[in-house]
All heavy atoms as atom14 arrays in JSON, in Angstrom:
{
  "sequence": "YEDKVGRRVIRVADLADEATLELRIDRALLHHDPLRKG",
  "atom14_mask": [
    [1, 1, 1, 1, 1, 1, 1, 1, 1, 1, 1, 1, 0, 0],
    [1, 1, 1, 1, 1, 1, 1, 1, 1, 0, 0, 0, 0, 0],
    [1, 1, 1, 1, 1, 1, 1, 1, 0, 0, 0, 0, 0, 0],
    [1, 1, 1, 1, 1, 1, 1, 1, 1, 0, 0, 0, 0, 0],
    [1, 1, 1, 1, 1, 1, 1, 0, 0, 0, 0, 0, 0, 0],
    [1, 1, 1, 1, 0, 0, 0, 0, 0, 0, 0, 0, 0, 0],
    [1, 1, 1, 1, 1, 1, 1, 1, 1, 1, 1, 0, 0, 0],
    [1, 1, 1, 1, 1, 1, 1, 1, 1, 1, 1, 0, 0, 0],
    [1, 1, 1, 1, 1, 1, 1, 0, 0, 0, 0, 0, 0, 0],
    [1, 1, 1, 1, 1, 1, 1, 1, 0, 0, 0, 0, 0, 0],
    [1, 1, 1, 1, 1, 1, 1, 1, 1, 1, 1, 0, 0, 0],
    [1, 1, 1, 1, 1, 1, 1, 0, 0, 0, 0, 0, 0, 0],
    [1, 1, 1, 1, 1, 0, 0, 0, 0, 0, 0, 0, 0, 0],
    [1, 1, 1, 1, 1, 1, 1, 1, 0, 0, 0, 0, 0, 0],
    [1, 1, 1, 1, 1, 1, 1, 1, 0, 0, 0, 0, 0, 0],
    [1, 1, 1, 1, 1, 0, 0, 0, 0, 0, 0, 0, 0, 0],
    [1, 1, 1, 1, 1, 1, 1, 1, 0, 0, 0, 0, 0, 0],
    [1, 1, 1, 1, 1, 1, 1, 1, 1, 0, 0, 0, 0, 0],
    [1, 1, 1, 1, 1, 0, 0, 0, 0, 0, 0, 0, 0, 0],
    [1, 1, 1, 1, 1, 1, 1, 0, 0, 0, 0, 0, 0, 0],
    [1, 1, 1, 1, 1, 1, 1, 1, 0, 0, 0, 0, 0, 0],
    [1, 1, 1, 1, 1, 1, 1, 1, 1, 0, 0, 0, 0, 0],
    [1, 1, 1, 1, 1, 1, 1, 1, 0, 0, 0, 0, 0, 0],
    [1, 1, 1, 1, 1, 1, 1, 1, 1, 1, 1, 0, 0, 0],
    [1, 1, 1, 1, 1, 1, 1, 1, 0, 0, 0, 0, 0, 0],
    [1, 1, 1, 1, 1, 1, 1, 1, 0, 0, 0, 0, 0, 0],
    [1, 1, 1, 1, 1, 1, 1, 1, 1, 1, 1, 0, 0, 0],
    [1, 1, 1, 1, 1, 0, 0, 0, 0, 0, 0, 0, 0, 0],
    [1, 1, 1, 1, 1, 1, 1, 1, 0, 0, 0, 0, 0, 0],
    [1, 1, 1, 1, 1, 1, 1, 1, 0, 0, 0, 0, 0, 0],
    [1, 1, 1, 1, 1, 1, 1, 1, 1, 1, 0, 0, 0, 0],
    [1, 1, 1, 1, 1, 1, 1, 1, 1, 1, 0, 0, 0, 0],
    [1, 1, 1, 1, 1, 1, 1, 1, 0, 0, 0, 0, 0, 0],
    [1, 1, 1, 1, 1, 1, 1, 0, 0, 0, 0, 0, 0, 0],
    [1, 1, 1, 1, 1, 1, 1, 1, 0, 0, 0, 0, 0, 0],
    [1, 1, 1, 1, 1, 1, 1, 1, 1, 1, 1, 0, 0, 0],
    [1, 1, 1, 1, 1, 1, 1, 1, 1, 0, 0, 0, 0, 0],
    [1, 1, 1, 1, 0, 0, 0, 0, 0, 0, 0, 0, 0, 0]
  ],
  "atom14_positions": [
    [[-24.06, 24.08, 15.8], [-24.37, 22.99, 16.74], [-24.54, 21.67, 15.99], [-24.18, 20.61, 16.5], [-25.64, 23.31, 17.53], [-25.4, 24.17, 18.76], [-25.94, 25.43, 18.87], [-24.64, 23.69, 19.82], [-25.74, 26.22, 19.99], [-24.43, 24.47, 20.96], [-24.98, 25.73, 21.03], [-24.77, 26.51, 22.16], [0.0, 0.0, 0.0], [0.0, 0.0, 0.0]],
    [[-25.1, 21.71, 14.78], [-25.21, 20.49, 13.98], [-23.82, 19.91, 13.69], [-23.6, 18.69, 13.79], [-25.91, 20.8, 12.66], [-27.39, 21.11, 12.76], [-27.96, 21.51, 11.41], [-27.58, 20.88, 10.4], [-28.76, 22.46, 11.35], [0.0, 0.0, 0.0], [0.0, 0.0, 0.0], [0.0, 0.0, 0.0], [0.0, 0.0, 0.0], [0.0, 0.0, 0.0]],
    [[-22.89, 20.77, 13.33], [-21.52, 20.31, 13.06], [-20.86, 19.77, 14.32], [-20.06, 18.82, 14.25], [-20.68, 21.44, 12.47], [-20.92, 21.62, 10.97], [-21.74, 20.88, 10.39], [-20.27, 22.51, 10.36], [0.0, 0.0, 0.0], [0.0, 0.0, 0.0], [0.0, 0.0, 0.0], [0.0, 0.0, 0.0], [0.0, 0.0, 0.0], [0.0, 0.0, 0.0]],
    [[-21.19, 20.36, 15.45], [-20.62, 19.88, 16.71], [-21.01, 18.43, 16.96], [-20.14, 17.58, 17.22], [-21.08, 20.77, 17.87], [-20.61, 20.3, 19.24], [-21.12, 21.21, 20.34], [-20.7, 20.73, 21.72], [-21.16, 21.65, 22.81], [0.0, 0.0, 0.0], [0.0, 0.0, 0.0], [0.0, 0.0, 0.0], [0.0, 0.0, 0.0], [0.0, 0.0, 0.0]],
    [[-22.3, 18.13, 16.88], [-22.74, 16.76, 17.13], [-22.39, 15.85, 15.95], [-22.3, 14.63, 16.11], [-24.24, 16.67, 17.45], [-24.55, 17.44, 18.72], [-25.11, 17.17, 16.31], [0.0, 0.0, 0.0], [0.0, 0.0, 0.0], [0.0, 0.0, 0.0], [0.0, 0.0, 0.0], [0.0, 0.0, 0.0], [0.0, 0.0, 0.0], [0.0, 0.0, 0.0]],
    [[-22.16, 16.43, 14.75], [-21.73, 15.65, 13.61], [-20.23, 15.43, 13.56], [-19.7, 14.83, 12.61], [0.0, 0.0, 0.0], [0.0, 0.0, 0.0], [0.0, 0.0, 0.0], [0.0, 0.0, 0.0], [0.0, 0.0, 0.0], [0.0, 0.0, 0.0], [0.0, 0.0, 0.0], [0.0, 0.0, 0.0], [0.0, 0.0, 0.0], [0.0, 0.0, 0.0]],
    [[-19.52, 15.94, 14.56], [-18.07, 15.77, 14.73], [-17.25, 16.33, 13.56], [-16.26, 15.74, 13.14], [-17.74, 14.28, 14.96], [-18.3, 13.75, 16.28], [-18.29, 12.26, 16.35], [-19.26, 11.68, 15.42], [-19.54, 10.39, 15.33], [-18.95, 9.53, 16.13], [-20.41, 9.94, 14.45], [0.0, 0.0, 0.0], [0.0, 0.0, 0.0], [0.0, 0.0, 0.0]],
    [[-17.7, 17.47, 13.08], [-16.97, 18.13, 12.01], [-16.79, 19.62, 12.27], [-16.5, 20.37, 11.34], [-17.7, 17.9, 10.67], [-19.13, 18.34, 10.67], [-19.83, 18.11, 9.35], [-21.25, 18.41, 9.51], [-22.19, 17.5, 9.78], [-21.86, 16.23, 9.89], [-23.45, 17.87, 9.94], [0.0, 0.0, 0.0], [0.0, 0.0, 0.0], [0.0, 0.0, 0.0]],
    [[-16.92, 20.04, 13.51], [-16.78, 21.46, 13.85], [-15.31, 21.81, 14.06], [-14.48, 20.93, 14.37], [-17.62, 21.79, 15.1], [-16.86, 21.45, 16.39], [-18.01, 23.26, 15.13], [0.0, 0.0, 0.0], [0.0, 0.0, 0.0], [0.0, 0.0, 0.0], [0.0, 0.0, 0.0], [0.0, 0.0, 0.0], [0.0, 0.0, 0.0], [0.0, 0.0, 0.0]],
    [[-14.98, 23.07, 13.87], [-13.65, 23.58, 14.21], [-13.75, 24.21, 15.59], [-14.65, 25.0, 15.85], [-13.15, 24.61, 13.16], [-12.77, 23.9, 11.85], [-11.9, 25.34, 13.68], [-13.92, 23.57, 10.96], [0.0, 0.0, 0.0], [0.0, 0.0, 0.0], [0.0, 0.0, 0.0], [0.0, 0.0, 0.0], [0.0, 0.0, 0.0], [0.0, 0.0, 0.0]],
    [[-12.84, 23.84, 16.49], [-12.87, 24.35, 17.86], [-11.73, 25.35, 18.06], [-10.79, 25.42, 17.27], [-12.8, 23.21, 18.86], [-13.91, 22.16, 18.64], [-14.14, 21.26, 19.82], [-13.03, 20.43, 20.15], [-13.04, 19.53, 21.17], [-14.12, 19.37, 21.9], [-11.98, 18.81, 21.42], [0.0, 0.0, 0.0], [0.0, 0.0, 0.0], [0.0, 0.0, 0.0]],
    [[-11.82, 26.11, 19.13], [-10.83, 27.16, 19.4], [-9.42, 26.6, 19.38], [-8.51, 27.18, 18.77], [-11.14, 27.86, 20.74], [-9.98, 28.78, 21.15], [-12.44, 28.65, 20.66], [0.0, 0.0, 0.0], [0.0, 0.0, 0.0], [0.0, 0.0, 0.0], [0.0, 0.0, 0.0], [0.0, 0.0, 0.0], [0.0, 0.0, 0.0], [0.0, 0.0, 0.0]],
    [[-9.2, 25.46, 20.03], [-7.85, 24.89, 20.12], [-7.28, 24.54, 18.75], [-6.05, 24.54, 18.56], [-7.86, 23.65, 21.01], [0.0, 0.0, 0.0], [0.0, 0.0, 0.0], [0.0, 0.0, 0.0], [0.0, 0.0, 0.0], [0.0, 0.0, 0.0], [0.0, 0.0, 0.0], [0.0, 0.0, 0.0], [0.0, 0.0, 0.0], [0.0, 0.0, 0.0]],
    [[-8.15, 24.25, 17.78], [-7.68, 23.88, 16.44], [-6.96, 25.02, 15.75], [-6.16, 24.79, 14.83], [-8.86, 23.42, 15.57], [-9.56, 22.2, 16.14], [-8.91, 21.41, 16.86], [-10.78, 22.03, 15.87], [0.0, 0.0, 0.0], [0.0, 0.0, 0.0], [0.0, 0.0, 0.0], [0.0, 0.0, 0.0], [0.0, 0.0, 0.0], [0.0, 0.0, 0.0]],
    [[-7.22, 26.25, 16.16], [-6.59, 27.41, 15.54], [-5.09, 27.45, 15.78], [-4.35, 28.12, 15.06], [-7.22, 28.71, 16.06], [-8.7, 28.94, 15.75], [-9.2, 30.19, 16.47], [-8.93, 29.07, 14.25], [0.0, 0.0, 0.0], [0.0, 0.0, 0.0], [0.0, 0.0, 0.0], [0.0, 0.0, 0.0], [0.0, 0.0, 0.0], [0.0, 0.0, 0.0]],
    [[-4.64, 26.72, 16.79], [-3.22, 26.78, 17.18], [-2.33, 25.85, 16.38], [-1.1, 25.92, 16.47], [-3.08, 26.48, 18.67], [0.0, 0.0, 0.0], [0.0, 0.0, 0.0], [0.0, 0.0, 0.0], [0.0, 0.0, 0.0], [0.0, 0.0, 0.0], [0.0, 0.0, 0.0], [0.0, 0.0, 0.0], [0.0, 0.0, 0.0], [0.0, 0.0, 0.0]],
    [[-2.93, 24.95, 15.58], [-2.13, 23.98, 14.84], [-2.59, 23.93, 13.38], [-3.75, 23.58, 13.1], [-2.25, 22.59, 15.47], [-1.42, 21.55, 14.74], [-0.17, 21.6, 14.84], [-2.0, 20.7, 14.04], [0.0, 0.0, 0.0], [0.0, 0.0, 0.0], [0.0, 0.0, 0.0], [0.0, 0.0, 0.0], [0.0, 0.0, 0.0], [0.0, 0.0, 0.0]],
    [[-1.7, 24.26, 12.47], [-2.03, 24.35, 11.05], [-2.55, 23.03, 10.49], [-3.55, 22.99, 9.78], [-0.81, 24.81, 10.25], [-1.05, 24.96, 8.76], [-1.88, 26.18, 8.39], [-1.98, 27.1, 9.25], [-2.43, 26.22, 7.28], [0.0, 0.0, 0.0], [0.0, 0.0, 0.0], [0.0, 0.0, 0.0], [0.0, 0.0, 0.0], [0.0, 0.0, 0.0]],
    [[-1.87, 21.92, 10.8], [-2.25, 20.62, 10.24], [-3.64, 20.21, 10.72], [-4.46, 19.72, 9.94], [-1.22, 19.56, 10.62], [0.0, 0.0, 0.0], [0.0, 0.0, 0.0], [0.0, 0.0, 0.0], [0.0, 0.0, 0.0], [0.0, 0.0, 0.0], [0.0, 0.0, 0.0], [0.0, 0.0, 0.0], [0.0, 0.0, 0.0], [0.0, 0.0, 0.0]],
    [[-3.9, 20.4, 12.01], [-5.21, 20.06, 12.56], [-6.29, 20.93, 11.94], [-7.37, 20.44, 11.59], [-5.21, 20.23, 14.09], [-4.21, 19.39, 14.66], [-6.57, 19.87, 14.67], [0.0, 0.0, 0.0], [0.0, 0.0, 0.0], [0.0, 0.0, 0.0], [0.0, 0.0, 0.0], [0.0, 0.0, 0.0], [0.0, 0.0, 0.0], [0.0, 0.0, 0.0]],
    [[-6.0, 22.2, 11.79], [-6.98, 23.13, 11.24], [-7.37, 22.72, 9.82], [-8.57, 22.67, 9.48], [-6.43, 24.55, 11.25], [-7.36, 25.66, 10.74], [-8.63, 25.72, 11.58], [-6.65, 27.01, 10.74], [0.0, 0.0, 0.0], [0.0, 0.0, 0.0], [0.0, 0.0, 0.0], [0.0, 0.0, 0.0], [0.0, 0.0, 0.0], [0.0, 0.0, 0.0]],
    [[-6.39, 22.4, 8.99], [-6.69, 22.01, 7.61], [-7.48, 20.71, 7.57], [-8.4, 20.57, 6.76], [-5.38, 21.87, 6.81], [-4.68, 23.2, 6.57], [-3.62, 23.12, 5.48], [-3.75, 22.23, 4.61], [-2.68, 23.93, 5.49], [0.0, 0.0, 0.0], [0.0, 0.0, 0.0], [0.0, 0.0, 0.0], [0.0, 0.0, 0.0], [0.0, 0.0, 0.0]],
    [[-7.12, 19.76, 8.43], [-7.84, 18.49, 8.5], [-9.31, 18.71, 8.88], [-10.22, 18.13, 8.28], [-7.16, 17.56, 9.5], [-7.78, 16.15, 9.65], [-7.62, 15.37, 8.35], [-7.12, 15.41, 10.83], [0.0, 0.0, 0.0], [0.0, 0.0, 0.0], [0.0, 0.0, 0.0], [0.0, 0.0, 0.0], [0.0, 0.0, 0.0], [0.0, 0.0, 0.0]],
    [[-9.53, 19.57, 9.88], [-10.89, 19.86, 10.33], [-11.7, 20.55, 9.23], [-12.88, 20.25, 9.02], [-10.86, 20.73, 11.58], [-10.21, 20.09, 12.8], [-11.14, 19.1, 13.48], [-10.6, 18.72, 14.77], [-9.8, 17.68, 14.97], [-9.43, 16.92, 13.95], [-9.34, 17.4, 16.19], [0.0, 0.0, 0.0], [0.0, 0.0, 0.0], [0.0, 0.0, 0.0]],
    [[-11.09, 21.5, 8.55], [-11.78, 22.2, 7.46], [-12.16, 21.23, 6.35], [-13.29, 21.25, 5.84], [-10.9, 23.34, 6.91], [-10.84, 24.5, 7.91], [-11.44, 23.84, 5.56], [-12.14, 25.23, 8.11], [0.0, 0.0, 0.0], [0.0, 0.0, 0.0], [0.0, 0.0, 0.0], [0.0, 0.0, 0.0], [0.0, 0.0, 0.0], [0.0, 0.0, 0.0]],
    [[-11.23, 20.36, 5.97], [-11.52, 19.41, 4.9], [-12.66, 18.47, 5.27], [-13.51, 18.15, 4.44], [-10.26, 18.61, 4.56], [-9.21, 19.44, 3.83], [-9.57, 20.51, 3.28], [-8.02, 19.05, 3.83], [0.0, 0.0, 0.0], [0.0, 0.0, 0.0], [0.0, 0.0, 0.0], [0.0, 0.0, 0.0], [0.0, 0.0, 0.0], [0.0, 0.0, 0.0]],
    [[-12.68, 18.04, 6.52], [-13.77, 17.17, 6.97], [-15.11, 17.92, 6.9], [-16.12, 17.37, 6.47], [-13.5, 16.68, 8.39], [-14.6, 15.79, 8.95], [-14.25, 15.25, 10.33], [-15.35, 14.5, 10.91], [-15.65, 13.25, 10.65], [-14.89, 12.57, 9.81], [-16.68, 12.65, 11.22], [0.0, 0.0, 0.0], [0.0, 0.0, 0.0], [0.0, 0.0, 0.0]],
    [[-15.11, 19.18, 7.32], [-16.33, 19.97, 7.31], [-16.84, 20.21, 5.89], [-18.04, 20.13, 5.62], [-16.1, 21.31, 8.01], [0.0, 0.0, 0.0], [0.0, 0.0, 0.0], [0.0, 0.0, 0.0], [0.0, 0.0, 0.0], [0.0, 0.0, 0.0], [0.0, 0.0, 0.0], [0.0, 0.0, 0.0], [0.0, 0.0, 0.0], [0.0, 0.0, 0.0]],
    [[-15.92, 20.48, 4.97], [-16.33, 20.8, 3.6], [-16.86, 19.58, 2.85], [-17.66, 19.72, 1.92], [-15.18, 21.44, 2.83], [-14.71, 22.81, 3.37], [-13.74, 23.48, 2.41], [-15.89, 23.73, 3.67], [0.0, 0.0, 0.0], [0.0, 0.0, 0.0], [0.0, 0.0, 0.0], [0.0, 0.0, 0.0], [0.0, 0.0, 0.0], [0.0, 0.0, 0.0]],
    [[-16.44, 18.38, 3.25], [-17.01, 17.18, 2.67], [-18.52, 17.12, 2.9], [-19.27, 16.54, 2.12], [-16.35, 15.93, 3.26], [-14.97, 15.55, 2.71], [-14.4, 14.37, 3.51], [-15.06, 15.18, 1.23], [0.0, 0.0, 0.0], [0.0, 0.0, 0.0], [0.0, 0.0, 0.0], [0.0, 0.0, 0.0], [0.0, 0.0, 0.0], [0.0, 0.0, 0.0]],
    [[-18.95, 17.71, 3.98], [-20.37, 17.78, 4.29], [-21.03, 19.01, 3.68], [-22.1, 18.93, 3.07], [-20.56, 17.8, 5.82], [-21.97, 18.08, 6.25], [-22.95, 17.12, 6.29], [-22.57, 19.24, 6.64], [-24.08, 17.65, 6.7], [-23.89, 18.94, 6.91], [0.0, 0.0, 0.0], [0.0, 0.0, 0.0], [0.0, 0.0, 0.0], [0.0, 0.0, 0.0]],
    [[-20.38, 20.16, 3.83], [-21.03, 21.42, 3.48], [-21.11, 21.7, 1.97], [-22.12, 22.24, 1.5], [-20.34, 22.57, 4.19], [-20.77, 22.73, 5.61], [-21.88, 23.46, 5.97], [-20.27, 22.22, 6.76], [-22.05, 23.4, 7.29], [-21.07, 22.66, 7.79], [0.0, 0.0, 0.0], [0.0, 0.0, 0.0], [0.0, 0.0, 0.0], [0.0, 0.0, 0.0]],
    [[-20.09, 21.33, 1.22], [-20.12, 21.66, -0.2], [-21.27, 20.96, -0.94], [-21.99, 21.61, -1.72], [-18.77, 21.36, -0.86], [-17.77, 22.5, -0.64], [-18.21, 23.63, -0.31], [-16.55, 22.27, -0.79], [0.0, 0.0, 0.0], [0.0, 0.0, 0.0], [0.0, 0.0, 0.0], [0.0, 0.0, 0.0], [0.0, 0.0, 0.0], [0.0, 0.0, 0.0]],
    [[-21.51, 19.65, -0.75], [-22.69, 19.04, -1.39], [-24.01, 19.66, -0.91], [-24.94, 19.83, -1.7], [-22.6, 17.57, -0.97], [-21.16, 17.35, -0.64], [-20.68, 18.64, -0.06], [0.0, 0.0, 0.0], [0.0, 0.0, 0.0], [0.0, 0.0, 0.0], [0.0, 0.0, 0.0], [0.0, 0.0, 0.0], [0.0, 0.0, 0.0], [0.0, 0.0, 0.0]],
    [[-24.06, 20.01, 0.37], [-25.26, 20.63, 0.91], [-25.49, 22.0, 0.27], [-26.62, 22.34, -0.1], [-25.12, 20.77, 2.43], [-26.34, 21.22, 3.22], [-27.51, 20.28, 3.01], [-25.99, 21.28, 4.73], [0.0, 0.0, 0.0], [0.0, 0.0, 0.0], [0.0, 0.0, 0.0], [0.0, 0.0, 0.0], [0.0, 0.0, 0.0], [0.0, 0.0, 0.0]],
    [[-24.43, 22.77, 0.12], [-24.53, 24.09, -0.5], [-24.97, 23.98, -1.96], [-25.76, 24.79, -2.44], [-23.18, 24.8, -0.4], [-22.8, 25.2, 1.02], [-21.34, 25.69, 1.09], [-21.13, 26.92, 0.35], [-21.28, 28.14, 0.86], [-21.66, 28.29, 2.13], [-21.05, 29.22, 0.13], [0.0, 0.0, 0.0], [0.0, 0.0, 0.0], [0.0, 0.0, 0.0]],
    [[-24.47, 22.98, -2.65], [-24.85, 22.78, -4.04], [-26.35, 22.56, -4.16], [-27.01, 23.11, -5.05], [-24.09, 21.59, -4.63], [-24.35, 21.38, -6.12], [-23.51, 20.24, -6.67], [-23.76, 20.05, -8.17], [-22.94, 18.93, -8.73], [0.0, 0.0, 0.0], [0.0, 0.0, 0.0], [0.0, 0.0, 0.0], [0.0, 0.0, 0.0], [0.0, 0.0, 0.0]],
    [[-26.91, 21.77, -3.25], [-28.35, 21.51, -3.25], [-29.18, 22.76, -2.98], [-30.34, 22.84, -3.39], [0.0, 0.0, 0.0], [0.0, 0.0, 0.0], [0.0, 0.0, 0.0], [0.0, 0.0, 0.0], [0.0, 0.0, 0.0], [0.0, 0.0, 0.0], [0.0, 0.0, 0.0], [0.0, 0.0, 0.0], [0.0, 0.0, 0.0], [0.0, 0.0, 0.0]]
  ]
}
């Protein structure tokens, strides 16, 4: 839910398009990887 309101979630429709899926994942990891490191 945090990712949803942070506009970095992957949605069901994103699974249907490779380019969109990769873009969404990259946006999410920009947030999650630094957080995970901490």
